[in-house]
Amino acid sequence: MEKEELLRQLGEKLAPEFRVLSISSVNFKPHPYTIGPAHIGYASDKYGGKLTEDCIREGEKQGKVHCATGNCYTPFDEHTSDKVCFVQLTRHLTKEEATAKL
């Protein structure tokens, strides 16, 4: 699901008590996957310049690319993070009201 669609759906479910502000990735494990020059070259040569997740995975299988953070050889799919939704109250709620809505 696209991020904008998810924001819209959450906004509808949480309204009118909450306003959905954003969705972000946090708690990166081990860190955000870093794209480097090898990724750009591989995408240009093999994927018509489109640097997609499939391109990265295939490049890793071929041994042509890896995370460009130092000597990180952790696969793309093992670079994980948690998703969080930032919301704002639109009026005063009790803890019980907020918990029930969320």
PDB file of N, CA and C in Angstrom:
ATOM      1  N   MET A   1       0.847  -1.177   0.000  1.00  0.00           N
ATOM      2  CA  MET A   1       0.000   0.000   0.000  1.00  0.00           C
ATOM      3  C   MET A   1       0.891   1.237   0.000  1.00  0.00           C
ATOM      4  N   GLU A   2       0.519   2.208  -0.810  1.00  0.00           N
ATOM      5  CA  GLU A   2       1.269   3.450  -0.895  1.00  0.00           C
ATOM      6  C   GLU A   2       1.127   4.250   0.396  1.00  0.00           C
ATOM      7  N   LYS A   3       2.175   4.979   0.717  1.00  0.00           N
ATOM      8  CA  LYS A   3       2.200   5.755   1.952  1.00  0.00           C
ATOM      9  C   LYS A   3       1.048   6.761   2.021  1.00  0.00           C
ATOM     10  N   GLU A   4       0.773   7.451   0.927  1.00  0.00           N
ATOM     11  CA  GLU A   4      -0.301   8.449   0.925  1.00  0.00           C
ATOM     12  C   GLU A   4      -1.659   7.797   1.175  1.00  0.00           C
ATOM     13  N   GLU A   5      -1.866   6.619   0.613  1.00  0.00           N
ATOM     14  CA  GLU A   5      -3.129   5.908   0.816  1.00  0.00           C
ATOM     15  C   GLU A   5      -3.251   5.466   2.272  1.00  0.00           C
ATOM     16  N   LEU A   6      -2.156   4.976   2.846  1.00  0.00           N
ATOM     17  CA  LEU A   6      -2.164   4.571   4.249  1.00  0.00           C
ATOM     18  C   LEU A   6      -2.456   5.768   5.151  1.00  0.00           C
ATOM     19  N   LEU A   7      -1.837   6.901   4.875  1.00  0.00           N
ATOM     20  CA  LEU A   7      -2.094   8.119   5.644  1.00  0.00           C
ATOM     21  C   LEU A   7      -3.579   8.503   5.562  1.00  0.00           C
ATOM     22  N   ARG A   8      -4.150   8.414   4.377  1.00  0.00           N
ATOM     23  CA  ARG A   8      -5.558   8.748   4.189  1.00  0.00           C
ATOM     24  C   ARG A   8      -6.459   7.814   4.999  1.00  0.00           C
ATOM     25  N   GLN A   9      -6.184   6.506   4.908  1.00  0.00           N
ATOM     26  CA  GLN A   9      -7.017   5.534   5.623  1.00  0.00           C
ATOM     27  C   GLN A   9      -6.911   5.694   7.132  1.00  0.00           C
ATOM     28  N   LEU A  10      -5.688   5.887   7.613  1.00  0.00           N
ATOM     29  CA  LEU A  10      -5.522   6.092   9.059  1.00  0.00           C
ATOM     30  C   LEU A  10      -6.213   7.376   9.498  1.00  0.00           C
ATOM     31  N   GLY A  11      -6.097   8.416   8.685  1.00  0.00           N
ATOM     32  CA  GLY A  11      -6.741   9.685   9.001  1.00  0.00           C
ATOM     33  C   GLY A  11      -8.246   9.538   9.137  1.00  0.00           C
ATOM     34  N   GLU A  12      -8.845   8.744   8.247  1.00  0.00           N
ATOM     35  CA  GLU A  12     -10.291   8.517   8.303  1.00  0.00           C
ATOM     36  C   GLU A  12     -10.676   7.746   9.561  1.00  0.00           C
ATOM     37  N   LYS A  13      -9.877   6.750   9.928  1.00  0.00           N
ATOM     38  CA  LYS A  13     -10.199   5.918  11.091  1.00  0.00           C
ATOM     39  C   LYS A  13     -10.021   6.664  12.407  1.00  0.00           C
ATOM     40  N   LEU A  14      -9.053   7.562  12.454  1.00  0.00           N
ATOM     41  CA  LEU A  14      -8.741   8.245  13.714  1.00  0.00           C
ATOM     42  C   LEU A  14      -9.455   9.582  13.883  1.00  0.00           C
ATOM     43  N   ALA A  15     -10.048  10.081  12.813  1.00  0.00           N
ATOM     44  CA  ALA A  15     -10.775  11.351  12.899  1.00  0.00           C
ATOM     45  C   ALA A  15     -12.063  11.131  13.695  1.00  0.00           C
ATOM     46  N   PRO A  16     -12.576  12.110  14.357  1.00  0.00           N
ATOM     47  CA  PRO A  16     -12.083  13.481  14.433  1.00  0.00           C
ATOM     48  C   PRO A  16     -11.167  13.744  15.627  1.00  0.00           C
ATOM     49  N   GLU A  17     -10.937  12.714  16.457  1.00  0.00           N
ATOM     50  CA  GLU A  17     -10.150  12.927  17.678  1.00  0.00           C
ATOM     51  C   GLU A  17      -8.656  13.139  17.416  1.00  0.00           C
ATOM     52  N   PHE A  18      -8.163  12.541  16.321  1.00  0.00           N
ATOM     53  CA  PHE A  18      -6.739  12.630  16.011  1.00  0.00           C
ATOM     54  C   PHE A  18      -6.531  13.123  14.585  1.00  0.00           C
ATOM     55  N   ARG A  19      -5.437  13.796  14.367  1.00  0.00           N
ATOM     56  CA  ARG A  19      -4.971  14.182  13.035  1.00  0.00           C
ATOM     57  C   ARG A  19      -3.698  13.371  12.780  1.00  0.00           C
ATOM     58  N   VAL A  20      -3.644  12.663  11.675  1.00  0.00           N
ATOM     59  CA  VAL A  20      -2.458  11.884  11.321  1.00  0.00           C
ATOM     60  C   VAL A  20      -1.461  12.824  10.655  1.00  0.00           C
ATOM     61  N   LEU A  21      -0.243  12.906  11.226  1.00  0.00           N
ATOM     62  CA  LEU A  21       0.760  13.839  10.721  1.00  0.00           C
ATOM     63  C   LEU A  21       1.707  13.193   9.719  1.00  0.00           C
ATOM     64  N   SER A  22       2.208  11.997  10.046  1.00  0.00           N
ATOM     65  CA  SER A  22       3.163  11.357   9.141  1.00  0.00           C
ATOM     66  C   SER A  22       3.393   9.912   9.552  1.00  0.00           C
ATOM     67  N   ILE A  23       4.043   9.191   8.669  1.00  0.00           N
ATOM     68  CA  ILE A  23       4.517   7.836   8.929  1.00  0.00           C
ATOM     69  C   ILE A  23       5.999   7.840   8.605  1.00  0.00           C
ATOM     70  N   SER A  24       6.797   7.313   9.527  1.00  0.00           N
ATOM     71  CA  SER A  24       8.252   7.310   9.333  1.00  0.00           C
ATOM     72  C   SER A  24       8.857   5.988   9.761  1.00  0.00           C
ATOM     73  N   SER A  25      10.057   5.759   9.282  1.00  0.00           N
ATOM     74  CA  SER A  25      10.843   4.599   9.710  1.00  0.00           C
ATOM     75  C   SER A  25      11.768   5.031  10.837  1.00  0.00           C
ATOM     76  N   VAL A  26      11.864   4.197  11.879  1.00  0.00           N
ATOM     77  CA  VAL A  26      12.749   4.459  13.016  1.00  0.00           C
ATOM     78  C   VAL A  26      13.395   3.143  13.443  1.00  0.00           C
ATOM     79  N   ASN A  27      14.321   3.211  14.355  1.00  0.00           N
ATOM     80  CA  ASN A  27      14.975   2.027  14.920  1.00  0.00           C
ATOM     81  C   ASN A  27      15.564   1.134  13.836  1.00  0.00           C
ATOM     82  N   PHE A  28      16.402   1.715  13.006  1.00  0.00           N
ATOM     83  CA  PHE A  28      17.017   0.952  11.920  1.00  0.00           C
ATOM     84  C   PHE A  28      17.929  -0.125  12.479  1.00  0.00           C
ATOM     85  N   LYS A  29      17.831  -1.320  11.900  1.00  0.00           N
ATOM     86  CA  LYS A  29      18.640  -2.456  12.321  1.00  0.00           C
ATOM     87  C   LYS A  29      19.287  -3.065  11.086  1.00  0.00           C
ATOM     88  N   PRO A  30      20.526  -3.044  10.843  1.00  0.00           N
ATOM     89  CA  PRO A  30      21.553  -2.407  11.686  1.00  0.00           C
ATOM     90  C   PRO A  30      21.654  -0.901  11.453  1.00  0.00           C
ATOM     91  N   HIS A  31      21.251  -0.424  10.274  1.00  0.00           N
ATOM     92  CA  HIS A  31      21.282   0.986   9.875  1.00  0.00           C
ATOM     93  C   HIS A  31      20.513   1.087   8.556  1.00  0.00           C
ATOM     94  N   PRO A  32      20.210   2.293   8.073  1.00  0.00           N
ATOM     95  CA  PRO A  32      19.545   2.380   6.767  1.00  0.00           C
ATOM     96  C   PRO A  32      20.449   1.809   5.666  1.00  0.00           C
ATOM     97  N   TYR A  33      19.862   1.074   4.734  1.00  0.00           N
ATOM     98  CA  TYR A  33      20.614   0.531   3.599  1.00  0.00           C
ATOM     99  C   TYR A  33      21.107   1.702   2.767  1.00  0.00           C
ATOM    100  N   THR A  34      22.373   1.682   2.397  1.00  0.00           N
ATOM    101  CA  THR A  34      22.974   2.790   1.668  1.00  0.00           C
ATOM    102  C   THR A  34      23.242   2.419   0.214  1.00  0.00           C
ATOM    103  N   ILE A  35      22.782   3.253  -0.678  1.00  0.00           N
ATOM    104  CA  ILE A  35      23.008   3.091  -2.111  1.00  0.00           C
ATOM    105  C   ILE A  35      24.336   3.757  -2.462  1.00  0.00           C
ATOM    106  N   GLY A  36      25.141   3.068  -3.264  1.00  0.00           N
ATOM    107  CA  GLY A  36      26.427   3.613  -3.683  1.00  0.00           C
ATOM    108  C   GLY A  36      26.577   3.595  -5.200  1.00  0.00           C
ATOM    109  N   PRO A  37      27.737   3.997  -5.679  1.00  0.00           N
ATOM    110  CA  PRO A  37      27.986   4.049  -7.124  1.00  0.00           C
ATOM    111  C   PRO A  37      27.788   2.699  -7.822  1.00  0.00           C
ATOM    112  N   ALA A  38      28.124   1.601  -7.151  1.00  0.00           N
ATOM    113  CA  ALA A  38      27.961   0.280  -7.771  1.00  0.00           C
ATOM    114  C   ALA A  38      26.492   0.000  -8.062  1.00  0.00           C
ATOM    115  N   HIS A  39      25.605   0.458  -7.200  1.00  0.00           N
ATOM    116  CA  HIS A  39      24.166   0.270  -7.419  1.00  0.00           C
ATOM    117  C   HIS A  39      23.714   1.021  -8.680  1.00  0.00           C
ATOM    118  N   ILE A  40      24.200   2.243  -8.820  1.00  0.00           N
ATOM    119  CA  ILE A  40      23.819   3.062  -9.975  1.00  0.00           C
ATOM    120  C   ILE A  40      24.315   2.403 -11.262  1.00  0.00           C
ATOM    121  N   GLY A  41      25.546   1.950 -11.245  1.00  0.00           N
ATOM    122  CA  GLY A  41      26.113   1.278 -12.422  1.00  0.00           C
ATOM    123  C   GLY A  41      25.365   0.008 -12.762  1.00  0.00           C
ATOM    124  N   TYR A  42      25.062  -0.801 -11.755  1.00  0.00           N
ATOM    125  CA  TYR A  42      24.351  -2.053 -11.992  1.00  0.00           C
ATOM    126  C   TYR A  42      22.956  -1.770 -12.550  1.00  0.00           C
ATOM    127  N   ALA A  43      22.260  -0.808 -11.976  1.00  0.00           N
ATOM    128  CA  ALA A  43      20.920  -0.450 -12.463  1.00  0.00           C
ATOM    129  C   ALA A  43      20.999   0.047 -13.905  1.00  0.00           C
ATOM    130  N   SER A  44      22.016   0.820 -14.211  1.00  0.00           N
ATOM    131  CA  SER A  44      22.182   1.339 -15.570  1.00  0.00           C
ATOM    132  C   SER A  44      22.436   0.219 -16.563  1.00  0.00           C
ATOM    133  N   ASP A  45      23.293  -0.727 -16.181  1.00  0.00           N
ATOM    134  CA  ASP A  45      23.666  -1.826 -17.079  1.00  0.00           C
ATOM    135  C   ASP A  45      22.570  -2.876 -17.231  1.00  0.00           C
ATOM    136  N   LYS A  46      21.868  -3.197 -16.156  1.00  0.00           N
ATOM    137  CA  LYS A  46      20.957  -4.344 -16.159  1.00  0.00           C
ATOM    138  C   LYS A  46      19.472  -4.001 -16.091  1.00  0.00           C
ATOM    139  N   TYR A  47      19.140  -2.809 -15.611  1.00  0.00           N
ATOM    140  CA  TYR A  47      17.732  -2.484 -15.378  1.00  0.00           C
ATOM    141  C   TYR A  47      17.296  -1.185 -16.063  1.00  0.00           C
ATOM    142  N   GLY A  48      17.994  -0.824 -17.108  1.00  0.00           N
ATOM    143  CA  GLY A  48      17.615   0.394 -17.838  1.00  0.00           C
ATOM    144  C   GLY A  48      17.653   1.638 -16.989  1.00  0.00           C
ATOM    145  N   GLY A  49      18.493   1.633 -15.954  1.00  0.00           N
ATOM    146  CA  GLY A  49      18.631   2.793 -15.080  1.00  0.00           C
ATOM    147  C   GLY A  49      17.656   2.834 -13.922  1.00  0.00           C
ATOM    148  N   LYS A  50      16.749   1.861 -13.838  1.00  0.00           N
ATOM    149  CA  LYS A  50      15.755   1.851 -12.760  1.00  0.00           C
ATOM    150  C   LYS A  50      16.308   1.111 -11.545  1.00  0.00           C
ATOM    151  N   LEU A  51      16.584   1.850 -10.508  1.00  0.00           N
ATOM    152  CA  LEU A  51      17.137   1.274  -9.281  1.00  0.00           C
ATOM    153  C   LEU A  51      15.986   0.864  -8.374  1.00  0.00           C
ATOM    154  N   THR A  52      15.499  -0.346  -8.576  1.00  0.00           N
ATOM    155  CA  THR A  52      14.376  -0.866  -7.799  1.00  0.00           C
ATOM    156  C   THR A  52      14.883  -1.833  -6.735  1.00  0.00           C
ATOM    157  N   GLU A  53      13.993  -2.248  -5.857  1.00  0.00           N
ATOM    158  CA  GLU A  53      14.362  -3.249  -4.851  1.00  0.00           C
ATOM    159  C   GLU A  53      14.769  -4.554  -5.528  1.00  0.00           C
ATOM    160  N   ASP A  54      14.084  -4.938  -6.601  1.00  0.00           N
ATOM    161  CA  ASP A  54      14.454  -6.154  -7.336  1.00  0.00           C
ATOM    162  C   ASP A  54      15.854  -6.031  -7.924  1.00  0.00           C
ATOM    163  N   CYS A  55      16.185  -4.861  -8.429  1.00  0.00           N
ATOM    164  CA  CYS A  55      17.522  -4.610  -8.970  1.00  0.00           C
ATOM    165  C   CYS A  55      18.578  -4.810  -7.880  1.00  0.00           C
ATOM    166  N   ILE A  56      18.328  -4.265  -6.700  1.00  0.00           N
ATOM    167  CA  ILE A  56      19.277  -4.395  -5.594  1.00  0.00           C
ATOM    168  C   ILE A  56      19.432  -5.860  -5.200  1.00  0.00           C
ATOM    169  N   ARG A  57      18.319  -6.569  -5.064  1.00  0.00           N
ATOM    170  CA  ARG A  57      18.381  -7.993  -4.679  1.00  0.00           C
ATOM    171  C   ARG A  57      19.142  -8.816  -5.713  1.00  0.00           C
ATOM    172  N   GLU A  58      18.871  -8.583  -6.982  1.00  0.00           N
ATOM    173  CA  GLU A  58      19.560  -9.318  -8.045  1.00  0.00           C
ATOM    174  C   GLU A  58      21.048  -8.970  -8.057  1.00  0.00           C
ATOM    175  N   GLY A  59      21.358  -7.701  -7.872  1.00  0.00           N
ATOM    176  CA  GLY A  59      22.761  -7.275  -7.816  1.00  0.00           C
ATOM    177  C   GLY A  59      23.508  -7.931  -6.670  1.00  0.00           C
ATOM    178  N   GLU A  60      22.838  -8.093  -5.538  1.00  0.00           N
ATOM    179  CA  GLU A  60      23.455  -8.782  -4.402  1.00  0.00           C
ATOM    180  C   GLU A  60      23.688 -10.250  -4.729  1.00  0.00           C
ATOM    181  N   LYS A  61      22.700 -10.898  -5.354  1.00  0.00           N
ATOM    182  CA  LYS A  61      22.858 -12.315  -5.725  1.00  0.00           C
ATOM    183  C   LYS A  61      24.033 -12.508  -6.674  1.00  0.00           C
ATOM    184  N   GLN A  62      24.223 -11.551  -7.564  1.00  0.00           N
ATOM    185  CA  GLN A  62      25.313 -11.620  -8.539  1.00  0.00           C
ATOM    186  C   GLN A  62      26.655 -11.196  -7.927  1.00  0.00           C
ATOM    187  N   GLY A  63      26.633 -10.686  -6.703  1.00  0.00           N
ATOM    188  CA  GLY A  63      27.862 -10.227  -6.050  1.00  0.00           C
ATOM    189  C   GLY A  63      28.363  -8.907  -6.595  1.00  0.00           C
ATOM    190  N   LYS A  64      27.484  -8.153  -7.231  1.00  0.00           N
ATOM    191  CA  LYS A  64      27.880  -6.885  -7.856  1.00  0.00           C
ATOM    192  C   LYS A  64      27.669  -5.682  -6.947  1.00  0.00           C
ATOM    193  N   VAL A  65      26.733  -5.783  -6.010  1.00  0.00           N
ATOM    194  CA  VAL A  65      26.453  -4.659  -5.118  1.00  0.00           C
ATOM    195  C   VAL A  65      26.283  -5.153  -3.689  1.00  0.00           C
ATOM    196  N   HIS A  66      26.479  -4.267  -2.756  1.00  0.00           N
ATOM    197  CA  HIS A  66      26.176  -4.500  -1.339  1.00  0.00           C
ATOM    198  C   HIS A  66      25.971  -3.142  -0.703  1.00  0.00           C
ATOM    199  N   CYS A  67      25.467  -3.131   0.519  1.00  0.00           N
ATOM    200  CA  CYS A  67      25.242  -1.881   1.237  1.00  0.00           C
ATOM    201  C   CYS A  67      26.536  -1.069   1.233  1.00  0.00           C
ATOM    202  N   ALA A  68      26.425   0.194   0.875  1.00  0.00           N
ATOM    203  CA  ALA A  68      27.612   1.039   0.748  1.00  0.00           C
ATOM    204  C   ALA A  68      28.045   1.686   2.063  1.00  0.00           C
ATOM    205  N   THR A  69      27.502   1.226   3.187  1.00  0.00           N
ATOM    206  CA  THR A  69      27.940   1.721   4.489  1.00  0.00           C
ATOM    207  C   THR A  69      29.140   0.901   4.937  1.00  0.00           C
ATOM    208  N   GLY A  70      30.312   1.481   4.876  1.00  0.00           N
ATOM    209  CA  GLY A  70      31.524   0.782   5.304  1.00  0.00           C
ATOM    210  C   GLY A  70      31.678  -0.571   4.646  1.00  0.00           C
ATOM    211  N   ASN A  71      31.968  -1.575   5.431  1.00  0.00           N
ATOM    212  CA  ASN A  71      32.103  -2.944   4.931  1.00  0.00           C
ATOM    213  C   ASN A  71      30.868  -3.772   5.248  1.00  0.00           C
ATOM    214  N   CYS A  72      29.709  -3.199   5.085  1.00  0.00           N
ATOM    215  CA  CYS A  72      28.471  -3.894   5.404  1.00  0.00           C
ATOM    216  C   CYS A  72      28.080  -4.829   4.260  1.00  0.00           C
ATOM    217  N   TYR A  73      27.982  -6.100   4.575  1.00  0.00           N
ATOM    218  CA  TYR A  73      27.534  -7.097   3.602  1.00  0.00           C
ATOM    219  C   TYR A  73      26.204  -7.724   4.035  1.00  0.00           C
ATOM    220  N   THR A  74      25.512  -7.062   4.947  1.00  0.00           N
ATOM    221  CA  THR A  74      24.192  -7.517   5.359  1.00  0.00           C
ATOM    222  C   THR A  74      23.239  -7.309   4.187  1.00  0.00           C
ATOM    223  N   PRO A  75      22.491  -8.343   3.790  1.00  0.00           N
ATOM    224  CA  PRO A  75      21.595  -8.210   2.637  1.00  0.00           C
ATOM    225  C   PRO A  75      20.553  -7.105   2.815  1.00  0.00           C
ATOM    226  N   PHE A  76      20.109  -6.601   1.688  1.00  0.00           N
ATOM    227  CA  PHE A  76      19.103  -5.542   1.648  1.00  0.00           C
ATOM    228  C   PHE A  76      17.894  -5.878   2.516  1.00  0.00           C
ATOM    229  N   ASP A  77      17.371  -7.099   2.394  1.00  0.00           N
ATOM    230  CA  ASP A  77      16.168  -7.492   3.124  1.00  0.00           C
ATOM    231  C   ASP A  77      16.394  -7.652   4.624  1.00  0.00           C
ATOM    232  N   GLU A  78      17.642  -7.674   5.063  1.00  0.00           N
ATOM    233  CA  GLU A  78      17.936  -7.772   6.497  1.00  0.00           C
ATOM    234  C   GLU A  78      18.220  -6.405   7.119  1.00  0.00           C
ATOM    235  N   HIS A  79      18.151  -5.362   6.336  1.00  0.00           N
ATOM    236  CA  HIS A  79      18.195  -3.999   6.859  1.00  0.00           C
ATOM    237  C   HIS A  79      16.746  -3.650   7.174  1.00  0.00           C
ATOM    238  N   THR A  80      16.391  -3.654   8.437  1.00  0.00           N
ATOM    239  CA  THR A  80      15.002  -3.471   8.826  1.00  0.00           C
ATOM    240  C   THR A  80      14.818  -2.209   9.651  1.00  0.00           C
ATOM    241  N   SER A  81      13.566  -1.859   9.833  1.00  0.00           N
ATOM    242  CA  SER A  81      13.221  -0.724  10.687  1.00  0.00           C
ATOM    243  C   SER A  81      11.774  -0.897  11.135  1.00  0.00           C
ATOM    244  N   ASP A  82      11.408  -0.114  12.115  1.00  0.00           N
ATOM    245  CA  ASP A  82      10.033  -0.089  12.586  1.00  0.00           C
ATOM    246  C   ASP A  82       9.331   1.094  11.941  1.00  0.00           C
ATOM    247  N   LYS A  83       8.055   0.952  11.685  1.00  0.00           N
ATOM    248  CA  LYS A  83       7.242   2.046  11.152  1.00  0.00           C
ATOM    249  C   LYS A  83       6.444   2.645  12.307  1.00  0.00           C
ATOM    250  N   VAL A  84       6.421   3.960  12.366  1.00  0.00           N
ATOM    251  CA  VAL A  84       5.643   4.648  13.382  1.00  0.00           C
ATOM    252  C   VAL A  84       4.727   5.669  12.722  1.00  0.00           C
ATOM    253  N   CYS A  85       3.610   5.886  13.350  1.00  0.00           N
ATOM    254  CA  CYS A  85       2.642   6.869  12.873  1.00  0.00           C
ATOM    255  C   CYS A  85       2.578   7.992  13.904  1.00  0.00           C
ATOM    256  N   PHE A  86       2.810   9.203  13.452  1.00  0.00           N
ATOM    257  CA  PHE A  86       2.739  10.363  14.331  1.00  0.00           C
ATOM    258  C   PHE A  86       1.344  10.964  14.226  1.00  0.00           C
ATOM    259  N   VAL A  87       0.686  11.100  15.373  1.00  0.00           N
ATOM    260  CA  VAL A  87      -0.662  11.650  15.409  1.00  0.00           C
ATOM    261  C   VAL A  87      -0.711  12.829  16.373  1.00  0.00           C
ATOM    262  N   GLN A  88      -1.724  13.652  16.195  1.00  0.00           N
ATOM    263  CA  GLN A  88      -1.917  14.824  17.051  1.00  0.00           C
ATOM    264  C   GLN A  88      -3.365  14.842  17.517  1.00  0.00           C
ATOM    265  N   LEU A  89      -3.554  15.095  18.797  1.00  0.00           N
ATOM    266  CA  LEU A  89      -4.913  15.245  19.319  1.00  0.00           C
ATOM    267  C   LEU A  89      -5.543  16.504  18.748  1.00  0.00           C
ATOM    268  N   THR A  90      -6.832  16.435  18.462  1.00  0.00           N
ATOM    269  CA  THR A  90      -7.547  17.617  17.989  1.00  0.00           C
ATOM    270  C   THR A  90      -8.365  18.266  19.101  1.00  0.00           C
ATOM    271  N   ARG A  91      -8.478  17.546  20.242  1.00  0.00           N
ATOM    272  CA  ARG A  91      -9.161  18.079  21.424  1.00  0.00           C
ATOM    273  C   ARG A  91      -8.653  17.289  22.630  1.00  0.00           C
ATOM    274  N   HIS A  92      -8.981  17.758  23.817  1.00  0.00           N
ATOM    275  CA  HIS A  92      -8.597  17.038  25.024  1.00  0.00           C
ATOM    276  C   HIS A  92      -9.378  15.725  25.123  1.00  0.00           C
ATOM    277  N   LEU A  93      -8.649  14.635  25.376  1.00  0.00           N
ATOM    278  CA  LEU A  93      -9.266  13.324  25.582  1.00  0.00           C
ATOM    279  C   LEU A  93      -8.737  12.736  26.869  1.00  0.00           C
ATOM    280  N   THR A  94      -9.547  11.899  27.490  1.00  0.00           N
ATOM    281  CA  THR A  94      -9.027  11.148  28.628  1.00  0.00           C
ATOM    282  C   THR A  94      -8.137  10.039  28.072  1.00  0.00           C
ATOM    283  N   LYS A  95      -7.331   9.484  28.930  1.00  0.00           N
ATOM    284  CA  LYS A  95      -6.467   8.359  28.525  1.00  0.00           C
ATOM    285  C   LYS A  95      -7.323   7.217  27.988  1.00  0.00           C
ATOM    286  N   GLU A  96      -8.424   6.967  28.611  1.00  0.00           N
ATOM    287  CA  GLU A  96      -9.315   5.875  28.204  1.00  0.00           C
ATOM    288  C   GLU A  96      -9.909   6.135  26.822  1.00  0.00           C
ATOM    289  N   GLU A  97     -10.324   7.385  26.564  1.00  0.00           N
ATOM    290  CA  GLU A  97     -10.884   7.725  25.250  1.00  0.00           C
ATOM    291  C   GLU A  97      -9.840   7.581  24.147  1.00  0.00           C
ATOM    292  N   ALA A  98      -8.639   8.069  24.427  1.00  0.00           N
ATOM    293  CA  ALA A  98      -7.570   7.988  23.429  1.00  0.00           C
ATOM    294  C   ALA A  98      -7.187   6.535  23.160  1.00  0.00           C
ATOM    295  N   THR A  99      -7.067   5.749  24.215  1.00  0.00           N
ATOM    296  CA  THR A  99      -6.708   4.332  24.062  1.00  0.00           C
ATOM    297  C   THR A  99      -7.767   3.584  23.280  1.00  0.00           C
ATOM    298  N   ALA A 100      -9.020   3.835  23.560  1.00  0.00           N
ATOM    299  CA  ALA A 100     -10.108   3.175  22.850  1.00  0.00           C
ATOM    300  C   ALA A 100     -10.082   3.504  21.363  1.00  0.00           C
ATOM    301  N   LYS A 101      -9.819   4.760  21.037  1.00  0.00           N
ATOM    302  CA  LYS A 101      -9.801   5.181  19.623  1.00  0.00           C
ATOM    303  C   LYS A 101      -8.609   4.580  18.891  1.00  0.00           C
ATOM    304  N   LEU A 102      -7.459   4.577  19.560  1.00  0.00           N
ATOM    305  CA  LEU A 102      -6.257   4.039  18.925  1.00  0.00           C
ATOM    306  C   LEU A 102      -6.324   2.532  18.828  1.00  0.00           C
TER     307      LEU A 102
END
